């Protein structure tokens, strides 16, 4: 009985409260907020302040190298930035 109730609750939650996957920029922005970082703090990853700005504004995509460096910096899987 408890197993059936668990399945029903999980199905209900998936249908009514499913979370959308965050975009790479949303993930980056949240990591920056949680770590109290500003754009200038990421220049070592992106190379220039203008690239940091363009990425955060969605005008430029993350490169493979950016993703690698970000995953190392925040100790997370690179998939969060893809």
PDB file of N, CA and C in Angstrom:
ATOM      1  N   UNK A   1       0.818  -1.191   0.000  1.00  0.00           N
ATOM      2  CA  UNK A   1       0.000   0.000   0.000  1.00  0.00           C
ATOM      3  C   UNK A   1       0.872   1.269   0.000  1.00  0.00           C
ATOM      4  N   UNK A   2       1.912   1.264   0.847  1.00  0.00           N
ATOM      5  CA  UNK A   2       2.783   2.442   0.924  1.00  0.00           C
ATOM      6  C   UNK A   2       3.513   2.664  -0.391  1.00  0.00           C
ATOM      7  N   UNK A   3       3.878   1.583  -1.068  1.00  0.00           N
ATOM      8  CA  UNK A   3       4.553   1.692  -2.365  1.00  0.00           C
ATOM      9  C   UNK A   3       3.659   2.348  -3.405  1.00  0.00           C
ATOM     10  N   UNK A   4       2.399   1.971  -3.437  1.00  0.00           N
ATOM     11  CA  UNK A   4       1.444   2.553  -4.371  1.00  0.00           C
ATOM     12  C   UNK A   4       1.238   4.036  -4.076  1.00  0.00           C
ATOM     13  N   UNK A   5       1.122   4.367  -2.821  1.00  0.00           N
ATOM     14  CA  UNK A   5       0.949   5.760  -2.429  1.00  0.00           C
ATOM     15  C   UNK A   5       2.165   6.593  -2.842  1.00  0.00           C
ATOM     16  N   UNK A   6       3.348   6.047  -2.691  1.00  0.00           N
ATOM     17  CA  UNK A   6       4.576   6.737  -3.100  1.00  0.00           C
ATOM     18  C   UNK A   6       4.568   7.013  -4.591  1.00  0.00           C
ATOM     19  N   UNK A   7       4.201   6.016  -5.385  1.00  0.00           N
ATOM     20  CA  UNK A   7       4.146   6.168  -6.841  1.00  0.00           C
ATOM     21  C   UNK A   7       3.123   7.225  -7.227  1.00  0.00           C
ATOM     22  N   UNK A   8       1.962   7.210  -6.614  1.00  0.00           N
ATOM     23  CA  UNK A   8       0.923   8.201  -6.922  1.00  0.00           C
ATOM     24  C   UNK A   8       1.382   9.622  -6.583  1.00  0.00           C
ATOM     25  N   UNK A   9       2.024   9.778  -5.460  1.00  0.00           N
ATOM     26  CA  UNK A   9       2.526  11.102  -5.059  1.00  0.00           C
ATOM     27  C   UNK A   9       3.604  11.571  -6.018  1.00  0.00           C
ATOM     28  N   UNK A  10       4.531  10.695  -6.387  1.00  0.00           N
ATOM     29  CA  UNK A  10       5.595  11.071  -7.330  1.00  0.00           C
ATOM     30  C   UNK A  10       5.012  11.477  -8.677  1.00  0.00           C
ATOM     31  N   UNK A  11       4.038  10.718  -9.170  1.00  0.00           N
ATOM     32  CA  UNK A  11       3.402  11.064 -10.447  1.00  0.00           C
ATOM     33  C   UNK A  11       2.705  12.414 -10.371  1.00  0.00           C
ATOM     34  N   UNK A  12       1.986  12.656  -9.282  1.00  0.00           N
ATOM     35  CA  UNK A  12       1.307  13.935  -9.107  1.00  0.00           C
ATOM     36  C   UNK A  12       2.301  15.089  -9.094  1.00  0.00           C
ATOM     37  N   UNK A  13       3.385  14.927  -8.351  1.00  0.00           N
ATOM     38  CA  UNK A  13       4.387  15.989  -8.274  1.00  0.00           C
ATOM     39  C   UNK A  13       5.047  16.243  -9.621  1.00  0.00           C
ATOM     40  N   UNK A  14       5.337  15.189 -10.373  1.00  0.00           N
ATOM     41  CA  UNK A  14       5.944  15.357 -11.691  1.00  0.00           C
ATOM     42  C   UNK A  14       5.014  16.111 -12.637  1.00  0.00           C
ATOM     43  N   UNK A  15       3.728  15.849 -12.558  1.00  0.00           N
ATOM     44  CA  UNK A  15       2.771  16.484 -13.446  1.00  0.00           C
ATOM     45  C   UNK A  15       2.482  17.928 -13.055  1.00  0.00           C
ATOM     46  N   UNK A  16       2.471  18.232 -11.774  1.00  0.00           N
ATOM     47  CA  UNK A  16       2.040  19.545 -11.314  1.00  0.00           C
ATOM     48  C   UNK A  16       3.152  20.453 -10.808  1.00  0.00           C
ATOM     49  N   UNK A  17       4.283  19.887 -10.463  1.00  0.00           N
ATOM     50  CA  UNK A  17       5.355  20.683  -9.878  1.00  0.00           C
ATOM     51  C   UNK A  17       6.709  20.409 -10.518  1.00  0.00           C
ATOM     52  N   UNK A  18       6.713  20.005 -11.751  1.00  0.00           N
ATOM     53  CA  UNK A  18       7.970  19.686 -12.429  1.00  0.00           C
ATOM     54  C   UNK A  18       8.836  20.945 -12.559  1.00  0.00           C
ATOM     55  N   UNK A  19      10.097  20.796 -12.237  1.00  0.00           N
ATOM     56  CA  UNK A  19      11.034  21.911 -12.350  1.00  0.00           C
ATOM     57  C   UNK A  19      11.636  21.929 -13.747  1.00  0.00           C
ATOM     58  N   UNK A  20      11.745  23.109 -14.289  1.00  0.00           N
ATOM     59  CA  UNK A  20      12.395  23.268 -15.579  1.00  0.00           C
ATOM     60  C   UNK A  20      13.897  23.315 -15.363  1.00  0.00           C
ATOM     61  N   UNK A  21      14.624  22.773 -16.313  1.00  0.00           N
ATOM     62  CA  UNK A  21      16.079  22.801 -16.219  1.00  0.00           C
ATOM     63  C   UNK A  21      16.568  24.242 -16.405  1.00  0.00           C
ATOM     64  N   UNK A  22      17.522  24.635 -15.606  1.00  0.00           N
ATOM     65  CA  UNK A  22      18.092  25.979 -15.709  1.00  0.00           C
ATOM     66  C   UNK A  22      18.962  26.073 -16.958  1.00  0.00           C
ATOM     67  N   UNK A  23      18.990  27.253 -17.552  1.00  0.00           N
ATOM     68  CA  UNK A  23      19.882  27.479 -18.685  1.00  0.00           C
ATOM     69  C   UNK A  23      21.307  27.613 -18.154  1.00  0.00           C
ATOM     70  N   UNK A  24      22.302  27.482 -19.024  1.00  0.00           N
ATOM     71  CA  UNK A  24      23.686  27.663 -18.567  1.00  0.00           C
ATOM     72  C   UNK A  24      23.915  29.030 -17.909  1.00  0.00           C
ATOM     73  N   UNK A  25      23.331  30.081 -18.464  1.00  0.00           N
ATOM     74  CA  UNK A  25      23.502  31.424 -17.885  1.00  0.00           C
ATOM     75  C   UNK A  25      22.808  31.516 -16.534  1.00  0.00           C
ATOM     76  N   UNK A  26      21.629  30.908 -16.404  1.00  0.00           N
ATOM     77  CA  UNK A  26      20.950  30.904 -15.111  1.00  0.00           C
ATOM     78  C   UNK A  26      21.781  30.155 -14.064  1.00  0.00           C
ATOM     79  N   UNK A  27      22.373  29.049 -14.468  1.00  0.00           N
ATOM     80  CA  UNK A  27      23.230  28.299 -13.541  1.00  0.00           C
ATOM     81  C   UNK A  27      24.428  29.142 -13.119  1.00  0.00           C
ATOM     82  N   UNK A  28      25.071  29.762 -14.098  1.00  0.00           N
ATOM     83  CA  UNK A  28      26.232  30.601 -13.803  1.00  0.00           C
ATOM     84  C   UNK A  28      25.856  31.753 -12.885  1.00  0.00           C
ATOM     85  N   UNK A  29      24.750  32.404 -13.187  1.00  0.00           N
ATOM     86  CA  UNK A  29      24.298  33.535 -12.366  1.00  0.00           C
ATOM     87  C   UNK A  29      24.033  33.094 -10.934  1.00  0.00           C
ATOM     88  N   UNK A  30      23.435  31.932 -10.759  1.00  0.00           N
ATOM     89  CA  UNK A  30      23.160  31.433  -9.411  1.00  0.00           C
ATOM     90  C   UNK A  30      24.449  31.083  -8.670  1.00  0.00           C
ATOM     91  N   UNK A  31      25.399  30.467  -9.363  1.00  0.00           N
ATOM     92  CA  UNK A  31      26.690  30.176  -8.718  1.00  0.00           C
ATOM     93  C   UNK A  31      27.396  31.470  -8.328  1.00  0.00           C
ATOM     94  N   UNK A  32      27.311  32.480  -9.178  1.00  0.00           N
ATOM     95  CA  UNK A  32      27.919  33.775  -8.855  1.00  0.00           C
ATOM     96  C   UNK A  32      27.269  34.376  -7.619  1.00  0.00           C
ATOM     97  N   UNK A  33      25.940  34.336  -7.557  1.00  0.00           N
ATOM     98  CA  UNK A  33      25.216  34.888  -6.412  1.00  0.00           C
ATOM     99  C   UNK A  33      25.585  34.138  -5.134  1.00  0.00           C
ATOM    100  N   UNK A  34      25.590  32.809  -5.217  1.00  0.00           N
ATOM    101  CA  UNK A  34      25.876  31.985  -4.032  1.00  0.00           C
ATOM    102  C   UNK A  34      27.308  32.178  -3.539  1.00  0.00           C
ATOM    103  N   UNK A  35      28.208  32.499  -4.452  1.00  0.00           N
ATOM    104  CA  UNK A  35      29.617  32.690  -4.088  1.00  0.00           C
ATOM    105  C   UNK A  35      29.977  34.157  -3.899  1.00  0.00           C
ATOM    106  N   UNK A  36      28.969  35.021  -4.010  1.00  0.00           N
ATOM    107  CA  UNK A  36      29.157  36.468  -3.872  1.00  0.00           C
ATOM    108  C   UNK A  36      30.217  36.986  -4.850  1.00  0.00           C
ATOM    109  N   UNK A  37      30.086  36.568  -6.114  1.00  0.00           N
ATOM    110  CA  UNK A  37      31.016  36.986  -7.157  1.00  0.00           C
ATOM    111  C   UNK A  37      30.377  38.019  -8.065  1.00  0.00           C
ATOM    112  N   UNK A  38      31.211  38.873  -8.631  1.00  0.00           N
ATOM    113  CA  UNK A  38      30.754  39.838  -9.631  1.00  0.00           C
ATOM    114  C   UNK A  38      31.401  39.476 -10.965  1.00  0.00           C
ATOM    115  N   UNK A  39      30.970  40.170 -12.007  1.00  0.00           N
ATOM    116  CA  UNK A  39      31.488  39.879 -13.338  1.00  0.00           C
ATOM    117  C   UNK A  39      33.013  39.925 -13.374  1.00  0.00           C
ATOM    118  N   UNK A  40      33.587  40.920 -12.735  1.00  0.00           N
ATOM    119  CA  UNK A  40      35.049  41.076 -12.781  1.00  0.00           C
ATOM    120  C   UNK A  40      35.781  39.895 -12.159  1.00  0.00           C
ATOM    121  N   UNK A  41      35.081  39.145 -11.301  1.00  0.00           N
ATOM    122  CA  UNK A  41      35.696  37.988 -10.657  1.00  0.00           C
ATOM    123  C   UNK A  41      35.831  36.787 -11.597  1.00  0.00           C
ATOM    124  N   UNK A  42      35.214  36.872 -12.762  1.00  0.00           N
ATOM    125  CA  UNK A  42      35.250  35.764 -13.717  1.00  0.00           C
ATOM    126  C   UNK A  42      36.130  36.040 -14.927  1.00  0.00           C
ATOM    127  N   UNK A  43      36.845  37.148 -14.912  1.00  0.00           N
ATOM    128  CA  UNK A  43      37.716  37.484 -16.042  1.00  0.00           C
ATOM    129  C   UNK A  43      38.781  36.415 -16.240  1.00  0.00           C
ATOM    130  N   UNK A  44      39.260  35.804 -15.166  1.00  0.00           N
ATOM    131  CA  UNK A  44      40.260  34.749 -15.304  1.00  0.00           C
ATOM    132  C   UNK A  44      39.729  33.541 -16.075  1.00  0.00           C
ATOM    133  N   UNK A  45      38.427  33.340 -16.078  1.00  0.00           N
ATOM    134  CA  UNK A  45      37.821  32.232 -16.806  1.00  0.00           C
ATOM    135  C   UNK A  45      37.535  32.605 -18.258  1.00  0.00           C
ATOM    136  N   UNK A  46      37.043  33.824 -18.471  1.00  0.00           N
ATOM    137  CA  UNK A  46      36.600  34.236 -19.803  1.00  0.00           C
ATOM    138  C   UNK A  46      37.636  35.034 -20.591  1.00  0.00           C
ATOM    139  N   UNK A  47      38.612  35.591 -19.914  1.00  0.00           N
ATOM    140  CA  UNK A  47      39.670  36.316 -20.619  1.00  0.00           C
ATOM    141  C   UNK A  47      39.534  37.820 -20.595  1.00  0.00           C
ATOM    142  N   UNK A  48      38.320  38.331 -20.821  1.00  0.00           N
ATOM    143  CA  UNK A  48      38.110  39.785 -20.816  1.00  0.00           C
ATOM    144  C   UNK A  48      36.773  40.110 -20.156  1.00  0.00           C
ATOM    145  N   UNK A  49      36.647  41.312 -19.610  1.00  0.00           N
ATOM    146  CA  UNK A  49      35.369  41.713 -19.021  1.00  0.00           C
ATOM    147  C   UNK A  49      34.230  41.740 -20.048  1.00  0.00           C
ATOM    148  N   UNK A  50      34.565  42.082 -21.297  1.00  0.00           N
ATOM    149  CA  UNK A  50      33.502  42.164 -22.304  1.00  0.00           C
ATOM    150  C   UNK A  50      32.926  40.784 -22.624  1.00  0.00           C
ATOM    151  N   UNK A  51      33.760  39.753 -22.625  1.00  0.00           N
ATOM    152  CA  UNK A  51      33.248  38.398 -22.877  1.00  0.00           C
ATOM    153  C   UNK A  51      32.360  37.953 -21.722  1.00  0.00           C
ATOM    154  N   UNK A  52      32.758  38.245 -20.499  1.00  0.00           N
ATOM    155  CA  UNK A  52      31.922  37.912 -19.335  1.00  0.00           C
ATOM    156  C   UNK A  52      30.558  38.567 -19.500  1.00  0.00           C
ATOM    157  N   UNK A  53      30.547  39.837 -19.835  1.00  0.00           N
ATOM    158  CA  UNK A  53      29.303  40.580 -20.001  1.00  0.00           C
ATOM    159  C   UNK A  53      28.442  39.997 -21.115  1.00  0.00           C
ATOM    160  N   UNK A  54      29.050  39.680 -22.245  1.00  0.00           N
ATOM    161  CA  UNK A  54      28.302  39.131 -23.374  1.00  0.00           C
ATOM    162  C   UNK A  54      27.692  37.771 -23.035  1.00  0.00           C
ATOM    163  N   UNK A  55      28.425  36.946 -22.327  1.00  0.00           N
ATOM    164  CA  UNK A  55      27.903  35.637 -21.929  1.00  0.00           C
ATOM    165  C   UNK A  55      26.722  35.814 -20.983  1.00  0.00           C
ATOM    166  N   UNK A  56      26.869  36.663 -19.976  1.00  0.00           N
ATOM    167  CA  UNK A  56      25.805  36.851 -18.992  1.00  0.00           C
ATOM    168  C   UNK A  56      24.553  37.494 -19.599  1.00  0.00           C
ATOM    169  N   UNK A  57      24.721  38.247 -20.660  1.00  0.00           N
ATOM    170  CA  UNK A  57      23.575  38.852 -21.341  1.00  0.00           C
ATOM    171  C   UNK A  57      22.989  37.949 -22.423  1.00  0.00           C
ATOM    172  N   UNK A  58      23.590  36.783 -22.621  1.00  0.00           N
ATOM    173  CA  UNK A  58      23.082  35.844 -23.606  1.00  0.00           C
ATOM    174  C   UNK A  58      23.465  36.164 -25.038  1.00  0.00           C
ATOM    175  N   UNK A  59      24.387  37.067 -25.229  1.00  0.00           N
ATOM    176  CA  UNK A  59      24.829  37.460 -26.570  1.00  0.00           C
ATOM    177  C   UNK A  59      25.937  36.561 -27.098  1.00  0.00           C
ATOM    178  N   UNK A  60      26.511  35.790 -26.222  1.00  0.00           N
ATOM    179  CA  UNK A  60      27.629  34.927 -26.601  1.00  0.00           C
ATOM    180  C   UNK A  60      27.469  33.596 -25.871  1.00  0.00           C
ATOM    181  N   UNK A  61      27.743  32.503 -26.558  1.00  0.00           N
ATOM    182  CA  UNK A  61      27.647  31.181 -25.949  1.00  0.00           C
ATOM    183  C   UNK A  61      28.936  30.832 -25.215  1.00  0.00           C
ATOM    184  N   UNK A  62      28.797  29.939 -24.263  1.00  0.00           N
ATOM    185  CA  UNK A  62      29.971  29.425 -23.572  1.00  0.00           C
ATOM    186  C   UNK A  62      30.747  28.509 -24.508  1.00  0.00           C
ATOM    187  N   UNK A  63      32.055  28.602 -24.452  1.00  0.00           N
ATOM    188  CA  UNK A  63      32.898  27.692 -25.224  1.00  0.00           C
ATOM    189  C   UNK A  63      33.187  26.453 -24.386  1.00  0.00           C
ATOM    190  N   UNK A  64      33.754  25.455 -25.009  1.00  0.00           N
ATOM    191  CA  UNK A  64      34.141  24.240 -24.282  1.00  0.00           C
ATOM    192  C   UNK A  64      35.133  24.591 -23.177  1.00  0.00           C
ATOM    193  N   UNK A  65      36.063  25.481 -23.471  1.00  0.00           N
ATOM    194  CA  UNK A  65      37.050  25.887 -22.464  1.00  0.00           C
ATOM    195  C   UNK A  65      36.391  26.639 -21.313  1.00  0.00           C
ATOM    196  N   UNK A  66      35.434  27.508 -21.600  1.00  0.00           N
ATOM    197  CA  UNK A  66      34.702  28.211 -20.533  1.00  0.00           C
ATOM    198  C   UNK A  66      34.006  27.198 -19.628  1.00  0.00           C
ATOM    199  N   UNK A  67      33.338  26.236 -20.255  1.00  0.00           N
ATOM    200  CA  UNK A  67      32.596  25.225 -19.493  1.00  0.00           C
ATOM    201  C   UNK A  67      33.545  24.427 -18.604  1.00  0.00           C
ATOM    202  N   UNK A  68      34.675  24.045 -19.135  1.00  0.00           N
ATOM    203  CA  UNK A  68      35.659  23.288 -18.343  1.00  0.00           C
ATOM    204  C   UNK A  68      36.121  24.108 -17.141  1.00  0.00           C
ATOM    205  N   UNK A  69      36.464  25.356 -17.390  1.00  0.00           N
ATOM    206  CA  UNK A  69      36.960  26.213 -16.299  1.00  0.00           C
ATOM    207  C   UNK A  69      35.876  26.496 -15.257  1.00  0.00           C
ATOM    208  N   UNK A  70      34.649  26.738 -15.716  1.00  0.00           N
ATOM    209  CA  UNK A  70      33.548  26.997 -14.782  1.00  0.00           C
ATOM    210  C   UNK A  70      33.267  25.773 -13.912  1.00  0.00           C
ATOM    211  N   UNK A  71      33.269  24.591 -14.519  1.00  0.00           N
ATOM    212  CA  UNK A  71      32.999  23.388 -13.730  1.00  0.00           C
ATOM    213  C   UNK A  71      34.091  23.154 -12.695  1.00  0.00           C
ATOM    214  N   UNK A  72      35.338  23.475 -13.048  1.00  0.00           N
ATOM    215  CA  UNK A  72      36.429  23.358 -12.076  1.00  0.00           C
ATOM    216  C   UNK A  72      36.303  24.411 -10.979  1.00  0.00           C
ATOM    217  N   UNK A  73      35.963  25.629 -11.369  1.00  0.00           N
ATOM    218  CA  UNK A  73      35.861  26.735 -10.407  1.00  0.00           C
ATOM    219  C   UNK A  73      34.783  26.476  -9.353  1.00  0.00           C
ATOM    220  N   UNK A  74      33.624  25.973  -9.830  1.00  0.00           N
ATOM    221  CA  UNK A  74      32.495  25.773  -8.916  1.00  0.00           C
ATOM    222  C   UNK A  74      32.345  24.322  -8.450  1.00  0.00           C
ATOM    223  N   UNK A  75      33.262  23.452  -8.889  1.00  0.00           N
ATOM    224  CA  UNK A  75      33.267  22.043  -8.463  1.00  0.00           C
ATOM    225  C   UNK A  75      31.930  21.355  -8.771  1.00  0.00           C
ATOM    226  N   UNK A  76      31.486  21.518 -10.010  1.00  0.00           N
ATOM    227  CA  UNK A  76      30.239  20.904 -10.463  1.00  0.00           C
ATOM    228  C   UNK A  76      30.475  20.216 -11.805  1.00  0.00           C
ATOM    229  N   UNK A  77      29.511  19.423 -12.214  1.00  0.00           N
ATOM    230  CA  UNK A  77      29.609  18.751 -13.498  1.00  0.00           C
ATOM    231  C   UNK A  77      29.487  19.760 -14.641  1.00  0.00           C
ATOM    232  N   UNK A  78      30.248  19.569 -15.702  1.00  0.00           N
ATOM    233  CA  UNK A  78      30.175  20.477 -16.854  1.00  0.00           C
ATOM    234  C   UNK A  78      28.780  20.521 -17.489  1.00  0.00           C
ATOM    235  N   UNK A  79      27.988  19.480 -17.292  1.00  0.00           N
ATOM    236  CA  UNK A  79      26.650  19.416 -17.882  1.00  0.00           C
ATOM    237  C   UNK A  79      25.770  20.596 -17.487  1.00  0.00           C
ATOM    238  N   UNK A  80      26.028  21.202 -16.340  1.00  0.00           N
ATOM    239  CA  UNK A  80      25.231  22.342 -15.902  1.00  0.00           C
ATOM    240  C   UNK A  80      25.397  23.555 -16.824  1.00  0.00           C
ATOM    241  N   UNK A  81      26.478  23.589 -17.570  1.00  0.00           N
ATOM    242  CA  UNK A  81      26.752  24.731 -18.425  1.00  0.00           C
ATOM    243  C   UNK A  81      26.561  24.423 -19.907  1.00  0.00           C
ATOM    244  N   UNK A  82      25.994  23.271 -20.200  1.00  0.00           N
ATOM    245  CA  UNK A  82      25.770  22.892 -21.608  1.00  0.00           C
ATOM    246  C   UNK A  82      24.313  23.114 -21.965  1.00  0.00           C
TER     247      UNK A  82
END
